[in-house]
Amino acid sequence: TIYLLVCFLTIGKITAASKVNKSKPDHDKHRLKNICKNAGTMTPKQLKFAELVYEYAGYNIKQMQSAQHQALCWMIQSDEMKLRGANTFLLERYALVSFYASTNGPHGNSWILKDKWLSRDSHCKWYGIQCYINGRVKAVDLSFNGLSGELPQEMFSVLSELRSLKLYTNELQSHIPRS
């Protein structure tokens, strides 16, 4: 096991392949209607959002134990924002919720500080998140915060304006894309 104990900082854009599943058949998207247990019938807006997330997370959102699935279902069922906002805003919120779930944020007391995470507040007000005036995520600094787990690929594919990622002294495993 390799632990990510250093800062990843870049001046330029962090870019990766934006969408991972461009060639998935449309019939797969049809199955998204019932992806979240106890969600009932999804509204057209919820289904459209699930399809958008599917373009980034692919089959991961279908695996009930995955951080991606947990993030999507939380946003559809429990998020007090109720999918308000532009797609870019919602995708960035989804990427951060996926990050939270994959680093044991919702389980136990592993995160030391998690002020406003998963609240009705904009994700720009969540502890450790900095945004540009337009609401796009600029920086994540959750150093020394008791995080453990893996960084989801959405941190790099969805947060396209991310300039600084500081995760000093946490127990994280991940592959950080070069480009």
Protein backbone atom coordinates (compact mmCIF):
# COMPACT_ATOMS: atom_id res chain seq x y z
CA THR A 1 0.00 0.00 0.00
CA ILE A 2 1.26 3.40 -0.95
CA TYR A 3 0.03 6.33 1.08
CA LEU A 4 -0.38 9.75 -0.42
CA LEU A 5 1.27 11.97 2.18
CA VAL A 6 2.34 14.85 0.02
CA CYS A 7 0.79 17.84 -1.61
CA PHE A 8 -0.20 17.76 -5.24
CA LEU A 9 -0.02 21.30 -6.55
CA THR A 10 -0.11 22.57 -10.07
CA ILE A 11 -0.25 25.98 -11.65
CA GLY A 12 -1.95 24.86 -14.84
CA LYS A 13 -5.21 23.03 -15.28
CA ILE A 14 -5.62 19.55 -13.93
CA THR A 15 -7.08 17.74 -16.88
CA ALA A 16 -7.98 14.18 -17.54
CA ALA A 17 -10.28 12.41 -19.89
CA SER A 18 -13.49 14.20 -19.07
CA LYS A 19 -15.95 11.49 -19.81
CA VAL A 20 -15.00 7.90 -19.31
CA ASN A 21 -17.87 6.12 -20.98
CA LYS A 22 -18.71 7.86 -24.22
CA SER A 23 -19.45 4.59 -26.00
CA LYS A 24 -21.87 3.06 -23.48
CA PRO A 25 -25.11 1.94 -25.10
CA ASP A 26 -28.24 4.02 -24.53
CA HIS A 27 -30.11 1.01 -23.12
CA ASP A 28 -27.75 1.17 -20.12
CA LYS A 29 -28.92 4.70 -19.38
CA HIS A 30 -32.50 3.42 -19.36
CA ARG A 31 -31.62 1.24 -16.36
CA LEU A 32 -30.71 4.31 -14.33
CA LYS A 33 -34.39 5.00 -13.60
CA ASN A 34 -34.31 2.73 -10.54
CA ILE A 35 -30.68 3.11 -9.51
CA CYS A 36 -31.32 4.42 -6.00
CA LYS A 37 -33.27 2.16 -3.68
CA ASN A 38 -36.24 3.82 -2.00
CA ALA A 39 -36.03 6.80 -4.36
CA GLY A 40 -39.32 6.01 -6.01
CA THR A 41 -39.85 7.19 -9.53
CA MET A 42 -37.20 9.67 -10.57
CA THR A 43 -38.25 13.02 -11.92
CA PRO A 44 -37.02 13.91 -15.41
CA LYS A 45 -34.47 16.27 -13.83
CA GLN A 46 -33.14 13.53 -11.53
CA LEU A 47 -32.90 11.08 -14.43
CA LYS A 48 -31.10 13.64 -16.58
CA PHE A 49 -28.64 14.25 -13.73
CA ALA A 50 -28.09 10.48 -13.28
CA GLU A 51 -27.36 10.20 -17.01
CA LEU A 52 -24.91 13.09 -16.79
CA VAL A 53 -23.10 11.49 -13.84
CA TYR A 54 -23.08 8.18 -15.70
CA GLU A 55 -21.04 9.85 -18.44
CA TYR A 56 -18.27 10.46 -15.85
CA ALA A 57 -18.59 7.54 -13.44
CA GLY A 58 -19.90 4.82 -15.74
CA TYR A 59 -20.64 1.47 -14.19
CA ASN A 60 -19.31 2.60 -10.80
CA ILE A 61 -22.62 4.32 -10.08
CA LYS A 62 -24.40 0.99 -10.47
CA GLN A 63 -22.36 -0.64 -7.72
CA MET A 64 -24.29 0.08 -4.52
CA GLN A 65 -21.21 0.16 -2.30
CA SER A 66 -19.25 2.53 -4.53
CA ALA A 67 -18.62 6.13 -3.52
CA GLN A 68 -20.04 7.20 -6.87
CA HIS A 69 -23.33 5.38 -6.24
CA GLN A 70 -23.56 6.77 -2.72
CA ALA A 71 -22.88 10.31 -3.97
CA LEU A 72 -25.44 10.12 -6.76
CA CYS A 73 -28.16 8.69 -4.52
CA TRP A 74 -27.44 11.21 -1.76
CA MET A 75 -27.82 14.06 -4.25
CA ILE A 76 -31.05 12.63 -5.65
CA GLN A 77 -32.63 11.62 -2.33
CA SER A 78 -31.17 13.70 0.50
CA ASP A 79 -29.39 16.78 -0.79
CA GLU A 80 -31.34 19.82 0.32
CA MET A 81 -30.10 21.66 -2.78
CA LYS A 82 -32.56 19.46 -4.73
CA LEU A 83 -30.43 19.52 -7.87
CA ARG A 84 -30.70 23.30 -8.19
CA GLY A 85 -28.05 24.98 -10.25
CA ALA A 86 -26.21 24.57 -13.51
CA ASN A 87 -24.89 21.17 -14.56
CA THR A 88 -21.30 22.26 -13.91
CA PHE A 89 -22.18 23.27 -10.34
CA LEU A 90 -24.03 19.99 -9.75
CA LEU A 91 -21.24 17.86 -11.21
CA GLU A 92 -18.65 19.57 -9.02
CA ARG A 93 -20.85 19.01 -5.97
CA TYR A 94 -21.19 15.37 -7.03
CA ALA A 95 -17.39 15.01 -7.40
CA LEU A 96 -16.85 16.37 -3.88
CA VAL A 97 -19.59 14.17 -2.39
CA SER A 98 -17.97 11.20 -4.14
CA PHE A 99 -14.61 12.25 -2.65
CA TYR A 100 -16.21 12.51 0.81
CA ALA A 101 -17.73 9.04 0.50
CA SER A 102 -14.55 7.43 -0.83
CA THR A 103 -12.40 8.87 1.99
CA ASN A 104 -14.63 7.62 4.80
CA GLY A 105 -16.25 10.97 5.52
CA PRO A 106 -19.71 9.58 6.26
CA HIS A 107 -18.49 6.55 8.24
CA GLY A 108 -17.44 7.05 11.83
CA ASN A 109 -15.24 9.87 12.93
CA SER A 110 -12.39 9.58 10.46
CA TRP A 111 -12.57 13.16 9.21
CA ILE A 112 -11.39 15.60 11.89
CA LEU A 113 -13.11 18.65 10.39
CA LYS A 114 -16.08 18.35 8.06
CA ASP A 115 -17.91 21.61 8.67
CA LYS A 116 -20.84 22.08 6.30
CA TRP A 117 -20.04 18.98 4.20
CA LEU A 118 -23.28 17.51 2.87
CA SER A 119 -25.24 20.52 4.05
CA ARG A 120 -27.64 22.66 2.09
CA ASP A 121 -24.87 25.24 1.77
CA SER A 122 -23.00 25.61 -1.48
CA HIS A 123 -20.07 23.22 -1.68
CA CYS A 124 -17.93 26.38 -1.88
CA LYS A 125 -18.64 26.86 1.84
CA TRP A 126 -17.63 23.33 2.83
CA TYR A 127 -14.54 23.06 5.01
CA GLY A 128 -11.35 23.00 2.94
CA ILE A 129 -12.96 24.02 -0.37
CA GLN A 130 -12.18 27.28 -2.15
CA CYS A 131 -14.03 28.43 -5.24
CA TYR A 132 -13.75 31.12 -7.83
CA ILE A 133 -16.41 33.82 -7.82
CA ASN A 134 -18.32 31.84 -10.47
CA GLY A 135 -18.65 28.89 -8.07
CA ARG A 136 -16.13 26.57 -9.74
CA VAL A 137 -13.81 24.70 -7.37
CA LYS A 138 -10.35 26.27 -7.31
CA ALA A 139 -8.63 24.52 -4.38
CA VAL A 140 -9.07 21.67 -1.94
CA ASP A 141 -7.05 21.75 1.28
CA LEU A 142 -7.88 18.91 3.65
CA SER A 143 -4.41 18.35 5.03
CA PHE A 144 -4.05 16.74 8.46
CA ASN A 145 -7.74 15.84 8.45
CA GLY A 146 -7.84 12.09 9.05
CA LEU A 147 -8.89 11.13 5.52
CA SER A 148 -8.39 7.53 4.45
CA GLY A 149 -9.31 5.69 1.31
CA GLU A 150 -8.96 6.46 -2.38
CA LEU A 151 -9.38 9.57 -4.46
CA PRO A 152 -12.17 9.04 -6.97
CA GLN A 153 -11.29 9.79 -10.58
CA GLU A 154 -14.04 12.45 -10.58
CA MET A 155 -11.71 14.69 -8.59
CA PHE A 156 -9.65 15.02 -11.75
CA SER A 157 -12.18 14.62 -14.55
CA VAL A 158 -14.98 16.81 -13.19
CA LEU A 159 -13.09 19.49 -11.24
CA SER A 160 -11.54 20.94 -14.38
CA GLU A 161 -10.68 24.31 -12.79
CA LEU A 162 -8.96 22.75 -9.75
CA ARG A 163 -5.55 24.39 -9.31
CA SER A 164 -4.48 23.16 -5.89
CA LEU A 165 -5.03 19.88 -4.09
CA LYS A 166 -3.47 19.71 -0.64
CA LEU A 167 -3.86 16.48 1.25
CA TYR A 168 -0.81 16.37 3.49
CA THR A 169 -0.66 13.67 6.16
CA ASN A 170 -3.75 11.68 5.29
CA GLU A 171 -3.87 7.99 4.46
CA LEU A 172 -4.94 8.11 0.85
CA GLN A 173 -4.22 5.79 -2.03
CA SER A 174 -4.66 6.89 -5.57
CA HIS A 175 -3.30 7.28 -9.02
CA ILE A 176 -3.06 10.95 -9.90
CA PRO A 177 -3.24 11.49 -13.65
CA ARG A 178 -0.25 13.22 -15.23
CA SER A 179 -2.24 15.44 -17.53
